[in-house]
Amino acid sequence: MSKNLAFVLALSGLVGCGASAPIASSPNHSGPAVEEPPAAVPLAHSPEIVAVEETVPHNDAQAEEPTALEIPTECATSGAKVCTPPTLFVAKLCQSKSADLALSMFRKTPWTRAYLRRDMEAWYTGARHSSPMHLVLDEEVIVVASRSGGSNGVQVSGSGSYDVYRWDGRCVSVMADEVSLRRPPVPSTPIVWQSLTEATREALLDDHGIKVRRNQQHDRCLKNSSAPRCTEATAALVRVIAEYVRKGGKLPDTRLAAR
């Protein structure tokens, strides 16, 4: 390589490097120009920062989760013959289908209880797609909606219909003459142990009587779940759980999601 060519290339490199570092000087400053460091990359061009900014909500109110609905303690209509929960709560209650929430609903709450007069098939008319459910004689339910069957809003004996809430956490619609408001000697309570969450099971097992019945039921159903001794043990377990709940036994804090 010739000396002239080497000189030219070296000079070109110096010119290129000088172009990459702009020199700025204040128009009012008479001293020598001071070389400034390269400008920082604008925030808008940083993908990491942009991603973080996009996840931050613009409205704090939108970022807050809806408050869970607590179980009401008063009738929707004060002094009504049939005490039902507020309509908005009922709409969400029937959507939840929670067996854990059902136990809390059947505690010492003011809602009117009703009892099936016979075995029957029924479904919930408040849902667009509702499957038939099997209800049994003397099954205990909570009335969550009462509709008059008489003209001018006058209740006629044996007419009208109810939406009722079951121990399994599901709602179903029945005619008024298909249920009785008089409590039978031994109400039926379709509680399924396996449908309860672990937290609820642990709370129930803190009660000595429930723990004894559960151990018996487990032992007798271990080999044959259809054997008569298993059926009897299961019925005994269900009865003791129902009595525990009715007396206000301790349960996990269960609330209804607002959405």
Protein backbone atom coordinates (compact mmCIF):
# COMPACT_ATOMS: atom_id res chain seq x y z
CA MET A 1 0.00 0.00 0.00
CA SER A 2 1.42 3.45 -0.97
CA LYS A 3 2.02 6.13 1.62
CA ASN A 4 -0.31 8.48 -0.21
CA LEU A 5 -3.14 5.95 -0.19
CA ALA A 6 -2.57 5.20 3.49
CA PHE A 7 -2.69 8.89 4.26
CA VAL A 8 -5.95 9.32 2.35
CA LEU A 9 -7.60 6.40 4.14
CA ALA A 10 -6.48 7.65 7.54
CA LEU A 11 -7.82 11.11 6.77
CA SER A 12 -11.16 9.61 5.63
CA GLY A 13 -11.43 7.69 8.91
CA LEU A 14 -10.87 10.81 10.92
CA VAL A 15 -13.51 12.65 8.94
CA GLY A 16 -15.98 9.77 9.43
CA CYS A 17 -15.39 9.66 13.17
CA GLY A 18 -15.76 13.38 13.43
CA ALA A 19 -19.11 13.20 11.67
CA SER A 20 -20.49 10.74 14.22
CA ALA A 21 -19.91 13.06 17.15
CA PRO A 22 -21.59 16.40 16.44
CA ILE A 23 -20.18 19.42 18.17
CA ALA A 24 -22.62 21.88 19.65
CA SER A 25 -21.88 25.27 21.07
CA SER A 26 -23.99 27.93 22.62
CA PRO A 27 -24.52 30.95 20.41
CA ASN A 28 -23.66 33.21 23.38
CA HIS A 29 -20.52 31.37 24.32
CA SER A 30 -17.26 32.68 22.91
CA GLY A 31 -15.00 29.94 24.25
CA PRO A 32 -13.95 26.82 22.46
CA ALA A 33 -16.63 24.39 21.46
CA VAL A 34 -17.24 21.55 23.91
CA GLU A 35 -17.95 18.10 22.59
CA GLU A 36 -21.21 16.66 24.02
CA PRO A 37 -21.87 12.94 24.64
CA PRO A 38 -24.13 11.11 22.19
CA ALA A 39 -27.83 11.89 22.70
CA ALA A 40 -29.83 9.36 24.72
CA VAL A 41 -32.25 7.14 22.87
CA PRO A 42 -35.77 8.66 23.10
CA LEU A 43 -38.09 6.85 25.49
CA ALA A 44 -40.57 6.18 22.73
CA HIS A 45 -37.99 4.08 20.86
CA SER A 46 -37.15 1.79 23.79
CA PRO A 47 -39.22 -1.43 23.44
CA GLU A 48 -38.80 -2.39 27.11
CA ILE A 49 -40.02 0.95 28.39
CA VAL A 50 -42.88 1.05 25.91
CA ALA A 51 -44.04 -2.39 27.04
CA VAL A 52 -44.07 -1.28 30.66
CA GLU A 53 -45.89 1.94 29.86
CA GLU A 54 -48.55 0.09 27.88
CA THR A 55 -49.36 -2.14 30.83
CA VAL A 56 -49.96 0.81 33.14
CA PRO A 57 -53.67 1.72 33.08
CA HIS A 58 -54.51 5.32 32.25
CA ASN A 59 -57.38 5.31 34.69
CA ASP A 60 -56.82 4.08 38.24
CA ALA A 61 -60.53 3.33 38.61
CA GLN A 62 -60.38 0.89 35.69
CA ALA A 63 -57.43 -0.94 37.24
CA GLU A 64 -59.29 -1.74 40.45
CA GLU A 65 -60.94 -5.16 40.69
CA PRO A 66 -64.70 -5.12 41.31
CA THR A 67 -65.52 -5.59 44.97
CA ALA A 68 -66.88 -9.04 45.80
CA LEU A 69 -70.49 -9.11 46.89
CA GLU A 70 -71.12 -10.13 50.48
CA ILE A 71 -74.12 -12.27 51.34
CA PRO A 72 -77.00 -9.90 52.17
CA THR A 73 -78.61 -9.98 55.59
CA GLU A 74 -81.97 -8.35 54.85
CA CYS A 75 -84.98 -9.18 52.69
CA ALA A 76 -85.29 -7.50 49.31
CA THR A 77 -88.69 -6.16 50.41
CA SER A 78 -89.10 -5.33 54.07
CA GLY A 79 -92.12 -7.01 55.64
CA ALA A 80 -92.76 -9.33 52.67
CA LYS A 81 -94.45 -12.66 53.41
CA VAL A 82 -91.75 -14.44 51.43
CA CYS A 83 -88.28 -13.11 52.23
CA THR A 84 -85.95 -13.22 49.23
CA PRO A 85 -82.44 -11.80 48.65
CA PRO A 86 -81.99 -8.67 46.48
CA THR A 87 -82.56 -9.24 42.77
CA LEU A 88 -79.06 -8.22 41.65
CA PHE A 89 -77.47 -10.61 44.13
CA VAL A 90 -79.78 -13.45 43.04
CA ALA A 91 -78.84 -13.01 39.38
CA LYS A 92 -75.16 -13.52 40.20
CA LEU A 93 -75.88 -16.19 42.79
CA CYS A 94 -77.64 -18.41 40.25
CA GLN A 95 -74.74 -17.99 37.82
CA SER A 96 -72.08 -19.03 40.33
CA LYS A 97 -73.29 -22.61 40.99
CA SER A 98 -70.98 -22.78 44.02
CA ALA A 99 -71.57 -25.55 46.58
CA ASP A 100 -69.35 -23.69 49.06
CA LEU A 101 -71.42 -20.53 48.77
CA ALA A 102 -74.59 -22.60 49.21
CA LEU A 103 -73.50 -23.67 52.70
CA SER A 104 -73.13 -20.02 53.69
CA MET A 105 -76.54 -19.19 52.20
CA PHE A 106 -78.22 -21.91 54.30
CA ARG A 107 -76.73 -20.68 57.56
CA LYS A 108 -78.68 -18.36 59.88
CA THR A 109 -79.95 -16.21 57.03
CA PRO A 110 -83.47 -14.70 56.84
CA TRP A 111 -84.47 -16.15 53.48
CA THR A 112 -87.69 -18.15 53.31
CA ARG A 113 -87.17 -21.91 53.14
CA ALA A 114 -89.40 -24.17 51.08
CA TYR A 115 -89.67 -27.97 50.78
CA LEU A 116 -90.52 -30.09 47.76
CA ARG A 117 -93.86 -31.86 47.85
CA ARG A 118 -92.72 -34.70 45.58
CA ASP A 119 -89.91 -36.05 43.42
CA MET A 120 -89.77 -34.10 40.17
CA GLU A 121 -87.70 -32.82 37.28
CA ALA A 122 -87.29 -29.06 36.87
CA TRP A 123 -84.97 -26.47 35.35
CA TYR A 124 -84.05 -22.84 35.86
CA THR A 125 -86.01 -20.51 33.60
CA GLY A 126 -83.65 -17.62 34.28
CA ALA A 127 -80.87 -19.21 32.20
CA ARG A 128 -80.86 -19.45 28.43
CA HIS A 129 -79.46 -22.98 28.48
CA SER A 130 -80.56 -24.88 31.57
CA SER A 131 -80.41 -28.64 32.07
CA PRO A 132 -83.16 -30.48 33.94
CA MET A 133 -82.44 -31.23 37.58
CA HIS A 134 -83.88 -33.96 39.75
CA LEU A 135 -85.46 -32.76 43.00
CA VAL A 136 -86.66 -35.12 45.73
CA LEU A 137 -89.48 -35.18 48.25
CA ASP A 138 -88.86 -32.90 51.27
CA GLU A 139 -85.77 -31.33 49.69
CA GLU A 140 -84.98 -28.05 51.43
CA VAL A 141 -84.51 -24.99 49.20
CA ILE A 142 -84.30 -21.22 49.63
CA VAL A 143 -86.82 -19.04 47.81
CA VAL A 144 -84.84 -16.44 45.86
CA ALA A 145 -87.68 -15.07 43.68
CA SER A 146 -91.44 -15.10 44.12
CA ARG A 147 -93.89 -14.38 41.29
CA SER A 148 -97.59 -13.89 41.86
CA GLY A 149 -100.01 -15.89 39.72
CA GLY A 150 -103.08 -13.78 40.37
CA SER A 151 -104.34 -10.78 38.42
CA ASN A 152 -103.45 -7.26 39.56
CA GLY A 153 -100.54 -8.64 41.56
CA VAL A 154 -102.82 -10.40 44.06
CA GLN A 155 -101.41 -13.71 45.27
CA VAL A 156 -103.86 -16.56 44.75
CA SER A 157 -103.40 -19.66 46.88
CA GLY A 158 -101.61 -22.39 44.94
CA SER A 159 -100.75 -20.11 42.02
CA GLY A 160 -97.60 -18.35 40.96
CA SER A 161 -94.06 -19.66 40.84
CA TYR A 162 -90.74 -19.50 42.64
CA ASP A 163 -87.08 -19.56 41.78
CA VAL A 164 -85.39 -21.58 44.49
CA TYR A 165 -81.77 -22.17 45.48
CA ARG A 166 -80.50 -25.66 46.30
CA TRP A 167 -77.82 -27.00 48.65
CA ASP A 168 -75.67 -27.83 45.63
CA GLY A 169 -75.49 -24.14 44.65
CA ARG A 170 -77.90 -24.29 41.72
CA CYS A 171 -81.13 -22.44 41.05
CA VAL A 172 -84.30 -24.05 39.72
CA SER A 173 -87.80 -22.80 38.95
CA VAL A 174 -90.91 -24.45 40.43
CA MET A 175 -94.61 -23.76 40.66
CA ALA A 176 -95.87 -22.50 44.00
CA ASP A 177 -98.00 -25.60 44.56
CA GLU A 178 -94.97 -27.87 44.06
CA VAL A 179 -93.39 -26.74 47.31
CA SER A 180 -94.52 -26.23 50.89
CA LEU A 181 -93.36 -23.59 53.35
CA ARG A 182 -93.91 -26.02 56.22
CA ARG A 183 -90.78 -27.80 57.37
CA PRO A 184 -90.93 -31.63 57.30
CA PRO A 185 -89.51 -33.70 60.19
CA VAL A 186 -86.32 -34.53 58.27
CA PRO A 187 -85.61 -32.24 55.31
CA SER A 188 -83.53 -33.60 52.45
CA THR A 189 -80.25 -31.78 51.82
CA PRO A 190 -78.31 -32.84 48.69
CA ILE A 191 -74.79 -32.03 49.87
CA VAL A 192 -71.96 -33.69 47.93
CA TRP A 193 -68.69 -33.84 49.89
CA GLN A 194 -66.56 -34.08 46.74
CA SER A 195 -68.06 -30.86 45.32
CA LEU A 196 -66.75 -28.76 48.23
CA THR A 197 -63.36 -27.06 48.09
CA GLU A 198 -60.48 -28.17 50.29
CA ALA A 199 -60.81 -25.07 52.46
CA THR A 200 -64.47 -25.80 53.19
CA ARG A 201 -63.79 -29.47 53.92
CA GLU A 202 -61.07 -28.57 56.39
CA ALA A 203 -63.38 -26.13 58.16
CA LEU A 204 -66.08 -28.80 58.44
CA LEU A 205 -63.62 -31.41 59.72
CA ASP A 206 -62.74 -29.12 62.61
CA ASP A 207 -66.08 -30.22 64.03
CA HIS A 208 -65.69 -33.53 65.88
CA GLY A 209 -69.09 -34.92 64.89
CA ILE A 210 -68.52 -34.24 61.19
CA LYS A 211 -65.04 -35.74 61.33
CA VAL A 212 -66.36 -38.97 62.88
CA ARG A 213 -69.11 -39.28 60.27
CA ARG A 214 -66.72 -38.52 57.44
CA ASN A 215 -64.28 -41.22 58.57
CA GLN A 216 -67.12 -43.74 58.77
CA GLN A 217 -68.39 -42.78 55.35
CA HIS A 218 -64.93 -43.08 53.84
CA ASP A 219 -64.34 -46.54 55.34
CA ARG A 220 -67.73 -47.93 54.34
CA CYS A 221 -67.65 -46.56 50.80
CA LEU A 222 -64.02 -47.38 50.03
CA LYS A 223 -64.70 -50.77 48.43
CA ASN A 224 -68.28 -50.40 47.24
CA SER A 225 -69.91 -46.97 46.89
CA SER A 226 -73.28 -48.51 46.03
CA ALA A 227 -73.49 -50.78 49.08
CA PRO A 228 -76.32 -50.05 51.54
CA ARG A 229 -73.88 -49.41 54.38
CA CYS A 230 -72.17 -46.77 52.22
CA THR A 231 -75.50 -45.12 51.40
CA GLU A 232 -76.43 -45.00 55.08
CA ALA A 233 -73.07 -43.54 56.08
CA THR A 234 -73.31 -40.89 53.38
CA ALA A 235 -76.80 -39.88 54.51
CA ALA A 236 -75.57 -39.60 58.10
CA LEU A 237 -72.67 -37.39 57.02
CA VAL A 238 -74.97 -35.12 55.03
CA ARG A 239 -77.38 -34.73 57.95
CA VAL A 240 -74.67 -33.76 60.42
CA ILE A 241 -73.20 -31.21 57.97
CA ALA A 242 -76.64 -29.67 57.38
CA GLU A 243 -77.29 -29.32 61.11
CA TYR A 244 -73.85 -27.80 61.62
CA VAL A 245 -74.55 -25.24 58.89
CA ARG A 246 -78.05 -24.36 60.14
CA LYS A 247 -76.65 -23.67 63.61
CA GLY A 248 -74.18 -21.19 62.16
CA GLY A 249 -71.09 -23.39 62.22
CA LYS A 250 -67.79 -21.85 61.20
CA LEU A 251 -67.08 -21.74 57.46
CA PRO A 252 -64.51 -19.98 55.27
CA ASP A 253 -65.38 -16.41 54.29
CA THR A 254 -67.22 -16.96 51.01
CA ARG A 255 -68.23 -14.05 48.81
CA LEU A 256 -69.83 -13.78 45.41
CA ALA A 257 -67.67 -12.41 42.60
CA ALA A 258 -69.01 -9.11 41.32
CA ARG A 259 -68.50 -10.10 37.67
